[in-house]
Amino acid sequence: MPTNVKIYDGTSDPADHITRFTGMGNSAEWPMPVWCRMFQQTLDGKARAWFDKLPSGSIDSWDDLEEKFLNRFGMLKACDKDPTEITKIVRRANETLPNFRERWVSESNAIPNVPELMRISSFMSSHKCPELSKRFSDKIPKTIDEMLRRVDDYVRSEEAFRNTELPKENFRRRKP
């Protein structure tokens, strides 16, 4: 397998993956039976789970595998979300900020064509953390990377504060 092969996880355009894979197979001059075995190695996540669940003997050729793959994952391309859908990603009750951050990144990345400013604004209005809002109000992040870095810094500082123990003698009052 070439080292520059892209892995398909079921979240991007399946036709692009087929095109890249076909180009790789043609340039390597693999025999057709090898294509299906090699294609399996380019799948991860939902796509790999789908492939692993295919009944034994249900694929007779590369064309058959390509058709089934595009039928299964091609519908994802047809269901592109409206960029305003990003505003519906909000922090749930009892969801930790790190868990929300991870879910927000995953879900927002699945929504194409969202301007960066809209993504930043969406996260800032949906995290529901007053202390983090105060930090953002001092200097609004200009990029997603900067915003996420600042969220991570905030989470680390809060964790460090919770784990800090002060010596008990600092809390005793001295008698005058």
N, C-alpha and C. Protein backbone atom coordinates (compact mmCIF):
# COMPACT_ATOMS: atom_id res chain seq x y z
N MET A 1 0.85 -1.18 0.00
CA MET A 1 0.00 0.00 0.00
C MET A 1 0.89 1.24 0.00
N PRO A 2 0.67 2.15 -0.92
CA PRO A 2 1.45 3.38 -0.93
C PRO A 2 1.28 4.17 0.37
N THR A 3 2.30 4.89 0.76
CA THR A 3 2.26 5.61 2.03
C THR A 3 1.37 6.85 1.97
N ASN A 4 1.09 7.36 0.79
CA ASN A 4 0.28 8.57 0.67
C ASN A 4 -1.21 8.29 0.51
N VAL A 5 -1.64 7.07 0.75
CA VAL A 5 -3.05 6.71 0.57
C VAL A 5 -3.90 7.43 1.61
N LYS A 6 -5.06 7.91 1.18
CA LYS A 6 -6.00 8.58 2.07
C LYS A 6 -6.94 7.52 2.66
N ILE A 7 -7.27 7.70 3.92
CA ILE A 7 -8.18 6.79 4.61
C ILE A 7 -9.58 7.40 4.57
N TYR A 8 -10.58 6.58 4.25
CA TYR A 8 -11.97 7.03 4.18
C TYR A 8 -12.70 6.54 5.42
N ASP A 9 -13.34 7.48 6.14
CA ASP A 9 -14.04 7.11 7.38
C ASP A 9 -15.55 7.27 7.30
N GLY A 10 -16.07 7.56 6.12
CA GLY A 10 -17.52 7.69 5.97
C GLY A 10 -18.03 9.10 6.13
N THR A 11 -17.15 10.09 6.26
CA THR A 11 -17.61 11.46 6.49
C THR A 11 -17.32 12.40 5.33
N SER A 12 -16.61 11.95 4.34
CA SER A 12 -16.29 12.84 3.21
C SER A 12 -16.93 12.27 1.93
N ASP A 13 -16.60 12.86 0.81
CA ASP A 13 -17.19 12.45 -0.46
C ASP A 13 -16.65 11.09 -0.90
N PRO A 14 -17.52 10.08 -0.99
CA PRO A 14 -17.06 8.74 -1.38
C PRO A 14 -16.56 8.67 -2.82
N ALA A 15 -17.13 9.49 -3.69
CA ALA A 15 -16.67 9.49 -5.09
C ALA A 15 -15.23 9.97 -5.19
N ASP A 16 -14.86 10.95 -4.36
CA ASP A 16 -13.46 11.39 -4.34
C ASP A 16 -12.54 10.26 -3.91
N HIS A 17 -12.97 9.50 -2.91
CA HIS A 17 -12.15 8.39 -2.42
C HIS A 17 -11.99 7.33 -3.52
N ILE A 18 -13.08 7.01 -4.21
CA ILE A 18 -13.03 6.03 -5.31
C ILE A 18 -12.07 6.53 -6.40
N THR A 19 -12.15 7.80 -6.73
CA THR A 19 -11.28 8.36 -7.79
C THR A 19 -9.81 8.25 -7.40
N ARG A 20 -9.50 8.63 -6.15
CA ARG A 20 -8.10 8.53 -5.70
C ARG A 20 -7.64 7.08 -5.68
N PHE A 21 -8.49 6.19 -5.17
CA PHE A 21 -8.12 4.79 -5.08
C PHE A 21 -7.94 4.18 -6.47
N THR A 22 -8.83 4.50 -7.39
CA THR A 22 -8.73 3.97 -8.75
C THR A 22 -7.43 4.42 -9.41
N GLY A 23 -7.08 5.69 -9.21
CA GLY A 23 -5.82 6.19 -9.75
C GLY A 23 -4.63 5.44 -9.17
N MET A 24 -4.69 5.16 -7.88
CA MET A 24 -3.61 4.42 -7.22
C MET A 24 -3.52 2.99 -7.76
N GLY A 25 -4.69 2.35 -7.88
CA GLY A 25 -4.71 0.97 -8.39
C GLY A 25 -4.22 0.87 -9.82
N ASN A 26 -4.61 1.83 -10.65
CA ASN A 26 -4.15 1.83 -12.04
C ASN A 26 -2.66 2.08 -12.15
N SER A 27 -2.16 3.02 -11.36
CA SER A 27 -0.72 3.31 -11.46
C SER A 27 0.12 2.17 -10.92
N ALA A 28 -0.41 1.43 -9.95
CA ALA A 28 0.34 0.29 -9.40
C ALA A 28 0.13 -0.97 -10.23
N GLU A 29 -0.79 -0.91 -11.18
CA GLU A 29 -1.11 -2.04 -12.05
C GLU A 29 -1.47 -3.29 -11.27
N TRP A 30 -2.32 -3.11 -10.23
CA TRP A 30 -2.76 -4.27 -9.44
C TRP A 30 -3.73 -5.10 -10.28
N PRO A 31 -3.69 -6.42 -10.14
CA PRO A 31 -4.73 -7.24 -10.76
C PRO A 31 -6.06 -6.98 -10.05
N MET A 32 -7.16 -7.13 -10.74
CA MET A 32 -8.47 -6.80 -10.19
C MET A 32 -8.77 -7.47 -8.84
N PRO A 33 -8.45 -8.75 -8.61
CA PRO A 33 -8.75 -9.34 -7.29
C PRO A 33 -8.05 -8.62 -6.14
N VAL A 34 -6.91 -8.00 -6.44
CA VAL A 34 -6.15 -7.29 -5.40
C VAL A 34 -6.86 -5.99 -5.02
N TRP A 35 -7.58 -5.39 -5.95
CA TRP A 35 -8.23 -4.11 -5.69
C TRP A 35 -9.14 -4.17 -4.46
N CYS A 36 -9.97 -5.19 -4.39
CA CYS A 36 -10.91 -5.29 -3.26
C CYS A 36 -10.18 -5.45 -1.94
N ARG A 37 -9.12 -6.23 -1.93
CA ARG A 37 -8.33 -6.42 -0.70
C ARG A 37 -7.62 -5.12 -0.29
N MET A 38 -7.10 -4.41 -1.28
CA MET A 38 -6.41 -3.16 -0.99
C MET A 38 -7.40 -2.08 -0.56
N PHE A 39 -8.58 -2.07 -1.18
CA PHE A 39 -9.59 -1.07 -0.85
C PHE A 39 -9.99 -1.18 0.63
N GLN A 40 -10.11 -2.38 1.09
CA GLN A 40 -10.46 -2.64 2.50
C GLN A 40 -9.48 -1.92 3.44
N GLN A 41 -8.23 -1.85 3.07
CA GLN A 41 -7.21 -1.23 3.91
C GLN A 41 -7.29 0.29 3.93
N THR A 42 -8.10 0.88 3.04
CA THR A 42 -8.24 2.34 3.01
C THR A 42 -9.46 2.80 3.78
N LEU A 43 -10.13 1.89 4.48
CA LEU A 43 -11.36 2.24 5.19
C LEU A 43 -11.14 2.27 6.69
N ASP A 44 -11.88 3.17 7.35
CA ASP A 44 -11.80 3.30 8.80
C ASP A 44 -13.18 3.72 9.31
N GLY A 45 -13.41 3.58 10.59
CA GLY A 45 -14.65 4.04 11.21
C GLY A 45 -15.89 3.37 10.63
N LYS A 46 -16.89 4.20 10.29
CA LYS A 46 -18.16 3.70 9.77
C LYS A 46 -17.96 2.91 8.47
N ALA A 47 -17.05 3.39 7.64
CA ALA A 47 -16.82 2.73 6.35
C ALA A 47 -16.23 1.33 6.57
N ARG A 48 -15.30 1.21 7.50
CA ARG A 48 -14.70 -0.10 7.78
C ARG A 48 -15.74 -1.04 8.39
N ALA A 49 -16.57 -0.50 9.29
CA ALA A 49 -17.63 -1.32 9.90
C ALA A 49 -18.59 -1.82 8.83
N TRP A 50 -18.94 -0.95 7.87
CA TRP A 50 -19.81 -1.36 6.77
C TRP A 50 -19.16 -2.49 5.97
N PHE A 51 -17.89 -2.33 5.61
CA PHE A 51 -17.20 -3.33 4.82
C PHE A 51 -17.13 -4.67 5.56
N ASP A 52 -16.82 -4.61 6.86
CA ASP A 52 -16.69 -5.83 7.65
C ASP A 52 -18.01 -6.58 7.77
N LYS A 53 -19.14 -5.86 7.65
CA LYS A 53 -20.46 -6.49 7.77
C LYS A 53 -20.99 -7.04 6.45
N LEU A 54 -20.27 -6.79 5.36
CA LEU A 54 -20.71 -7.34 4.07
C LEU A 54 -20.71 -8.86 4.14
N PRO A 55 -21.79 -9.49 3.70
CA PRO A 55 -21.83 -10.96 3.73
C PRO A 55 -20.72 -11.56 2.86
N SER A 56 -20.15 -12.63 3.33
CA SER A 56 -19.10 -13.32 2.58
C SER A 56 -19.65 -13.74 1.22
N GLY A 57 -18.89 -13.46 0.17
CA GLY A 57 -19.29 -13.83 -1.18
C GLY A 57 -20.24 -12.83 -1.84
N SER A 58 -20.52 -11.70 -1.19
CA SER A 58 -21.46 -10.73 -1.76
C SER A 58 -20.78 -9.79 -2.77
N ILE A 59 -19.46 -9.83 -2.86
CA ILE A 59 -18.72 -9.00 -3.81
C ILE A 59 -18.07 -9.91 -4.83
N ASP A 60 -18.42 -9.69 -6.10
CA ASP A 60 -17.87 -10.53 -7.16
C ASP A 60 -16.76 -9.85 -7.96
N SER A 61 -16.70 -8.51 -7.88
CA SER A 61 -15.71 -7.79 -8.69
C SER A 61 -15.49 -6.41 -8.10
N TRP A 62 -14.49 -5.71 -8.61
CA TRP A 62 -14.24 -4.34 -8.18
C TRP A 62 -15.45 -3.46 -8.50
N ASP A 63 -16.03 -3.64 -9.69
CA ASP A 63 -17.19 -2.84 -10.08
C ASP A 63 -18.34 -3.05 -9.09
N ASP A 64 -18.52 -4.28 -8.64
CA ASP A 64 -19.56 -4.60 -7.67
C ASP A 64 -19.29 -3.88 -6.34
N LEU A 65 -18.05 -3.93 -5.87
CA LEU A 65 -17.69 -3.27 -4.62
C LEU A 65 -17.84 -1.75 -4.75
N GLU A 66 -17.39 -1.20 -5.86
CA GLU A 66 -17.50 0.24 -6.09
C GLU A 66 -18.97 0.67 -6.06
N GLU A 67 -19.84 -0.07 -6.73
CA GLU A 67 -21.27 0.26 -6.77
C GLU A 67 -21.89 0.21 -5.37
N LYS A 68 -21.60 -0.83 -4.62
CA LYS A 68 -22.16 -0.96 -3.26
C LYS A 68 -21.62 0.14 -2.35
N PHE A 69 -20.35 0.45 -2.46
CA PHE A 69 -19.75 1.51 -1.66
C PHE A 69 -20.40 2.86 -1.95
N LEU A 70 -20.55 3.19 -3.24
CA LEU A 70 -21.14 4.47 -3.60
C LEU A 70 -22.63 4.53 -3.22
N ASN A 71 -23.33 3.40 -3.34
CA ASN A 71 -24.73 3.37 -2.92
C ASN A 71 -24.85 3.63 -1.42
N ARG A 72 -23.95 3.06 -0.66
CA ARG A 72 -24.02 3.20 0.80
C ARG A 72 -23.59 4.58 1.27
N PHE A 73 -22.49 5.09 0.76
CA PHE A 73 -21.95 6.35 1.25
C PHE A 73 -22.26 7.55 0.36
N GLY A 74 -22.76 7.31 -0.85
CA GLY A 74 -23.13 8.41 -1.74
C GLY A 74 -24.28 9.23 -1.21
N MET A 75 -25.14 8.61 -0.44
CA MET A 75 -26.28 9.36 0.11
C MET A 75 -25.81 10.41 1.11
N LEU A 76 -24.67 10.22 1.73
CA LEU A 76 -24.15 11.21 2.67
C LEU A 76 -23.83 12.51 1.94
N LYS A 77 -23.31 12.41 0.74
CA LYS A 77 -22.97 13.59 -0.04
C LYS A 77 -24.25 14.36 -0.41
N ALA A 78 -25.32 13.62 -0.68
CA ALA A 78 -26.58 14.26 -1.05
C ALA A 78 -27.24 14.97 0.13
N CYS A 79 -26.82 14.65 1.34
CA CYS A 79 -27.44 15.22 2.54
C CYS A 79 -26.61 16.33 3.14
N ASP A 80 -25.91 17.09 2.32
CA ASP A 80 -25.12 18.21 2.85
C ASP A 80 -26.02 19.10 3.69
N LYS A 81 -25.48 19.54 4.80
CA LYS A 81 -26.25 20.37 5.72
C LYS A 81 -26.10 21.85 5.36
N ASP A 82 -27.12 22.59 5.72
CA ASP A 82 -27.10 24.04 5.60
C ASP A 82 -26.12 24.58 6.64
N PRO A 83 -25.29 25.56 6.29
CA PRO A 83 -24.33 26.10 7.26
C PRO A 83 -24.96 26.59 8.57
N THR A 84 -26.21 27.03 8.52
CA THR A 84 -26.85 27.51 9.74
C THR A 84 -27.15 26.39 10.74
N GLU A 85 -27.01 25.15 10.31
CA GLU A 85 -27.21 24.00 11.21
C GLU A 85 -26.21 24.03 12.36
N ILE A 86 -25.10 24.74 12.18
CA ILE A 86 -24.08 24.80 13.23
C ILE A 86 -24.63 25.43 14.50
N THR A 87 -25.62 26.28 14.38
CA THR A 87 -26.19 26.93 15.56
C THR A 87 -26.98 25.96 16.44
N LYS A 88 -27.26 24.79 15.93
CA LYS A 88 -28.02 23.79 16.70
C LYS A 88 -27.11 22.90 17.56
N ILE A 89 -25.81 23.08 17.44
CA ILE A 89 -24.88 22.31 18.27
C ILE A 89 -24.68 23.08 19.56
N VAL A 90 -25.33 22.63 20.62
CA VAL A 90 -25.24 23.32 21.91
C VAL A 90 -24.83 22.33 22.99
N ARG A 91 -24.26 22.88 24.03
CA ARG A 91 -23.81 22.06 25.16
C ARG A 91 -25.03 21.52 25.91
N ARG A 92 -25.00 20.23 26.15
CA ARG A 92 -26.10 19.56 26.84
C ARG A 92 -25.95 19.68 28.35
N ALA A 93 -27.06 19.50 29.03
CA ALA A 93 -27.03 19.49 30.49
C ALA A 93 -26.09 18.37 30.95
N ASN A 94 -25.27 18.66 31.92
CA ASN A 94 -24.31 17.71 32.50
C ASN A 94 -23.19 17.28 31.54
N GLU A 95 -23.04 17.95 30.41
CA GLU A 95 -21.94 17.64 29.49
C GLU A 95 -20.74 18.49 29.90
N THR A 96 -19.62 17.85 30.08
CA THR A 96 -18.42 18.59 30.46
C THR A 96 -17.96 19.45 29.28
N LEU A 97 -17.23 20.50 29.60
CA LEU A 97 -16.71 21.37 28.53
C LEU A 97 -15.78 20.60 27.58
N PRO A 98 -14.86 19.75 28.09
CA PRO A 98 -14.02 18.98 27.14
C PRO A 98 -14.84 18.05 26.24
N ASN A 99 -15.87 17.43 26.79
CA ASN A 99 -16.72 16.54 25.96
C ASN A 99 -17.50 17.35 24.92
N PHE A 100 -18.01 18.51 25.35
CA PHE A 100 -18.72 19.36 24.40
C PHE A 100 -17.78 19.84 23.30
N ARG A 101 -16.58 20.26 23.66
CA ARG A 101 -15.61 20.72 22.68
C ARG A 101 -15.37 19.65 21.62
N GLU A 102 -15.15 18.42 22.08
CA GLU A 102 -14.89 17.31 21.16
C GLU A 102 -16.10 17.06 20.25
N ARG A 103 -17.30 17.06 20.83
CA ARG A 103 -18.51 16.82 20.04
C ARG A 103 -18.74 17.98 19.07
N TRP A 104 -18.52 19.21 19.53
CA TRP A 104 -18.72 20.36 18.67
C TRP A 104 -17.77 20.31 17.46
N VAL A 105 -16.52 19.97 17.70
CA VAL A 105 -15.56 19.88 16.59
C VAL A 105 -16.02 18.83 15.58
N SER A 106 -16.39 17.66 16.08
CA SER A 106 -16.82 16.58 15.20
C SER A 106 -18.06 16.96 14.40
N GLU A 107 -19.08 17.46 15.07
CA GLU A 107 -20.33 17.79 14.39
C GLU A 107 -20.18 19.01 13.48
N SER A 108 -19.42 20.00 13.90
CA SER A 108 -19.27 21.19 13.06
C SER A 108 -18.44 20.88 11.81
N ASN A 109 -17.50 19.96 11.92
CA ASN A 109 -16.70 19.57 10.74
C ASN A 109 -17.54 18.84 9.70
N ALA A 110 -18.66 18.28 10.13
CA ALA A 110 -19.54 17.56 9.20
C ALA A 110 -20.47 18.51 8.44
N ILE A 111 -20.41 19.80 8.78
CA ILE A 111 -21.25 20.79 8.10
C ILE A 111 -20.36 21.60 7.17
N PRO A 112 -20.52 21.43 5.86
CA PRO A 112 -19.64 22.12 4.91
C PRO A 112 -19.99 23.59 4.74
N ASN A 113 -19.02 24.35 4.28
CA ASN A 113 -19.21 25.74 3.87
C ASN A 113 -19.68 26.68 4.98
N VAL A 114 -19.21 26.45 6.21
CA VAL A 114 -19.54 27.36 7.30
C VAL A 114 -18.38 28.34 7.43
N PRO A 115 -18.66 29.63 7.28
CA PRO A 115 -17.57 30.61 7.43
C PRO A 115 -16.95 30.52 8.82
N GLU A 116 -15.65 30.77 8.90
CA GLU A 116 -14.94 30.63 10.17
C GLU A 116 -15.52 31.53 11.25
N LEU A 117 -15.87 32.74 10.91
CA LEU A 117 -16.45 33.65 11.89
C LEU A 117 -17.76 33.09 12.46
N MET A 118 -18.57 32.46 11.61
CA MET A 118 -19.82 31.85 12.06
C MET A 118 -19.53 30.67 12.99
N ARG A 119 -18.50 29.90 12.69
CA ARG A 119 -18.13 28.77 13.56
C ARG A 119 -17.70 29.27 14.93
N ILE A 120 -16.87 30.30 14.95
CA ILE A 120 -16.40 30.86 16.22
C ILE A 120 -17.59 31.39 17.02
N SER A 121 -18.43 32.14 16.37
CA SER A 121 -19.61 32.72 17.03
C SER A 121 -20.52 31.62 17.57
N SER A 122 -20.70 30.57 16.80
CA SER A 122 -21.55 29.46 17.23
C SER A 122 -21.01 28.81 18.49
N PHE A 123 -19.71 28.52 18.51
CA PHE A 123 -19.13 27.89 19.70
C PHE A 123 -19.25 28.82 20.90
N MET A 124 -18.92 30.08 20.70
CA MET A 124 -18.93 31.03 21.82
C MET A 124 -20.32 31.19 22.42
N SER A 125 -21.36 31.06 21.62
CA SER A 125 -22.71 31.22 22.14
C SER A 125 -23.30 29.92 22.66
N SER A 126 -22.63 28.81 22.43
CA SER A 126 -23.23 27.52 22.81
C SER A 126 -22.50 26.77 23.92
N HIS A 127 -21.34 27.22 24.36
CA HIS A 127 -20.59 26.46 25.37
C HIS A 127 -21.13 26.64 26.78
N LYS A 128 -21.86 27.73 27.04
CA LYS A 128 -22.55 27.97 28.31
C LYS A 128 -21.62 27.93 29.53
N CYS A 129 -20.49 28.55 29.40
CA CYS A 129 -19.51 28.60 30.49
C CYS A 129 -19.15 30.07 30.73
N PRO A 130 -19.73 30.69 31.77
CA PRO A 130 -19.51 32.13 31.99
C PRO A 130 -18.04 32.53 32.13
N GLU A 131 -17.25 31.73 32.83
CA GLU A 131 -15.84 32.08 33.00
C GLU A 131 -15.08 32.07 31.68
N LEU A 132 -15.39 31.10 30.83
CA LEU A 132 -14.76 31.05 29.51
C LEU A 132 -15.22 32.24 28.67
N SER A 133 -16.49 32.61 28.79
CA SER A 133 -17.00 33.77 28.05
C SER A 133 -16.26 35.04 28.44
N LYS A 134 -15.96 35.17 29.74
CA LYS A 134 -15.20 36.34 30.19
C LYS A 134 -13.83 36.38 29.52
N ARG A 135 -13.19 35.23 29.43
CA ARG A 135 -11.87 35.17 28.79
C ARG A 135 -11.94 35.52 27.31
N PHE A 136 -13.00 35.07 26.66
CA PHE A 136 -13.17 35.37 25.24
C PHE A 136 -13.53 36.83 25.02
N SER A 137 -14.24 37.45 25.96
CA SER A 137 -14.67 38.83 25.76
C SER A 137 -13.49 39.81 25.79
N ASP A 138 -12.41 39.43 26.48
CA ASP A 138 -11.21 40.28 26.49
C ASP A 138 -10.59 40.38 25.10
N LYS A 139 -10.54 39.25 24.43
CA LYS A 139 -9.96 39.22 23.09
C LYS A 139 -10.63 38.08 22.32
N ILE A 140 -11.49 38.42 21.40
CA ILE A 140 -12.23 37.42 20.64
C ILE A 140 -11.26 36.71 19.69
N PRO A 141 -11.30 35.36 19.69
CA PRO A 141 -10.39 34.62 18.80
C PRO A 141 -10.68 34.92 17.33
N LYS A 142 -9.63 34.92 16.53
CA LYS A 142 -9.76 35.22 15.10
C LYS A 142 -9.83 33.95 14.25
N THR A 143 -9.38 32.82 14.81
CA THR A 143 -9.39 31.55 14.06
C THR A 143 -9.94 30.44 14.95
N ILE A 144 -10.38 29.38 14.32
CA ILE A 144 -10.88 28.21 15.05
C ILE A 144 -9.75 27.63 15.89
N ASP A 145 -8.56 27.52 15.30
CA ASP A 145 -7.43 26.94 16.03
C ASP A 145 -7.12 27.74 17.29
N GLU A 146 -7.11 29.07 17.16
CA GLU A 146 -6.86 29.91 18.33
C GLU A 146 -7.95 29.70 19.39
N MET A 147 -9.21 29.64 18.94
CA MET A 147 -10.31 29.45 19.88
C MET A 147 -10.17 28.12 20.62
N LEU A 148 -9.91 27.06 19.90
CA LEU A 148 -9.81 25.73 20.52
C LEU A 148 -8.59 25.66 21.44
N ARG A 149 -7.51 26.30 21.06
CA ARG A 149 -6.32 26.35 21.91
C ARG A 149 -6.65 27.07 23.23
N ARG A 150 -7.39 28.15 23.15
CA ARG A 150 -7.77 28.89 24.35
C ARG A 150 -8.76 28.10 25.21
N VAL A 151 -9.64 27.34 24.59
CA VAL A 151 -10.55 26.47 25.35
C VAL A 151 -9.72 25.42 26.09
N ASP A 152 -8.77 24.82 25.39
CA ASP A 152 -7.91 23.80 26.03
C ASP A 152 -7.11 24.41 27.18
N ASP A 153 -6.59 25.61 27.00
CA ASP A 153 -5.85 26.29 28.07
C ASP A 153 -6.75 26.53 29.28
N TYR A 154 -7.97 26.95 29.01
CA TYR A 154 -8.93 27.20 30.10
C TYR A 154 -9.22 25.90 30.86
N VAL A 155 -9.48 24.82 30.12
CA VAL A 155 -9.78 23.53 30.76
C VAL A 155 -8.60 23.07 31.60
N ARG A 156 -7.37 23.20 31.06
CA ARG A 156 -6.18 22.80 31.82
C ARG A 156 -6.02 23.65 33.08
N SER A 157 -6.26 24.95 32.98
CA SER A 157 -6.09 25.82 34.16
C SER A 157 -7.14 25.50 35.22
N GLU A 158 -8.36 25.21 34.82
CA GLU A 158 -9.40 24.84 35.78
C GLU A 158 -9.06 23.52 36.45
N GLU A 159 -8.55 22.58 35.68
CA GLU A 159 -8.16 21.28 36.23
C GLU A 159 -7.00 21.44 37.21
N ALA A 160 -6.04 22.26 36.86
CA ALA A 160 -4.90 22.49 37.75
C ALA A 160 -5.35 23.15 39.05
N PHE A 161 -6.28 24.09 38.95
CA PHE A 161 -6.78 24.76 40.14
C PHE A 161 -7.49 23.76 41.06
N ARG A 162 -8.30 22.89 40.48
CA ARG A 162 -9.02 21.87 41.28
C ARG A 162 -8.06 20.92 41.96
N ASN A 163 -6.93 20.64 41.33
CA ASN A 163 -5.97 19.67 41.87
C ASN A 163 -4.93 20.29 42.80
N THR A 164 -5.00 21.58 43.01
CA THR A 164 -4.03 22.25 43.87
C THR A 164 -4.50 22.21 45.31
N GLU A 165 -3.64 21.73 46.18
CA GLU A 165 -3.93 21.71 47.61
C GLU A 165 -3.01 22.69 48.31
N LEU A 166 -3.59 23.54 49.08
CA LEU A 166 -2.79 24.48 49.85
C LEU A 166 -2.48 23.87 51.21
N PRO A 167 -1.33 24.16 51.76
CA PRO A 167 -1.01 23.63 53.10
C PRO A 167 -2.05 24.12 54.11
N LYS A 168 -2.44 23.24 55.03
CA LYS A 168 -3.49 23.56 55.99
C LYS A 168 -3.13 24.72 56.90
N GLU A 169 -1.86 24.87 57.23
CA GLU A 169 -1.48 25.96 58.13
C GLU A 169 -1.78 27.33 57.55
N ASN A 170 -1.92 27.46 56.26
CA ASN A 170 -2.26 28.74 55.64
C ASN A 170 -3.68 29.17 55.99
N PHE A 171 -4.51 28.24 56.39
CA PHE A 171 -5.89 28.55 56.68
C PHE A 171 -6.16 28.80 58.16
N ARG A 172 -5.23 28.55 59.03
CA ARG A 172 -5.41 28.79 60.46
C ARG A 172 -5.23 30.28 60.76
N ARG A 173 -6.11 30.76 61.57
CA ARG A 173 -5.98 32.16 61.98
C ARG A 173 -5.12 32.24 63.23
N ARG A 174 -4.27 33.17 63.20
CA ARG A 174 -3.42 33.37 64.36
C ARG A 174 -4.14 34.28 65.36
N LYS A 175 -3.96 33.98 66.61
CA LYS A 175 -4.56 34.81 67.65
C LYS A 175 -3.69 36.04 67.83
N PRO A 176 -4.31 37.23 67.96
CA PRO A 176 -3.52 38.44 68.13
C PRO A 176 -2.88 38.56 69.48
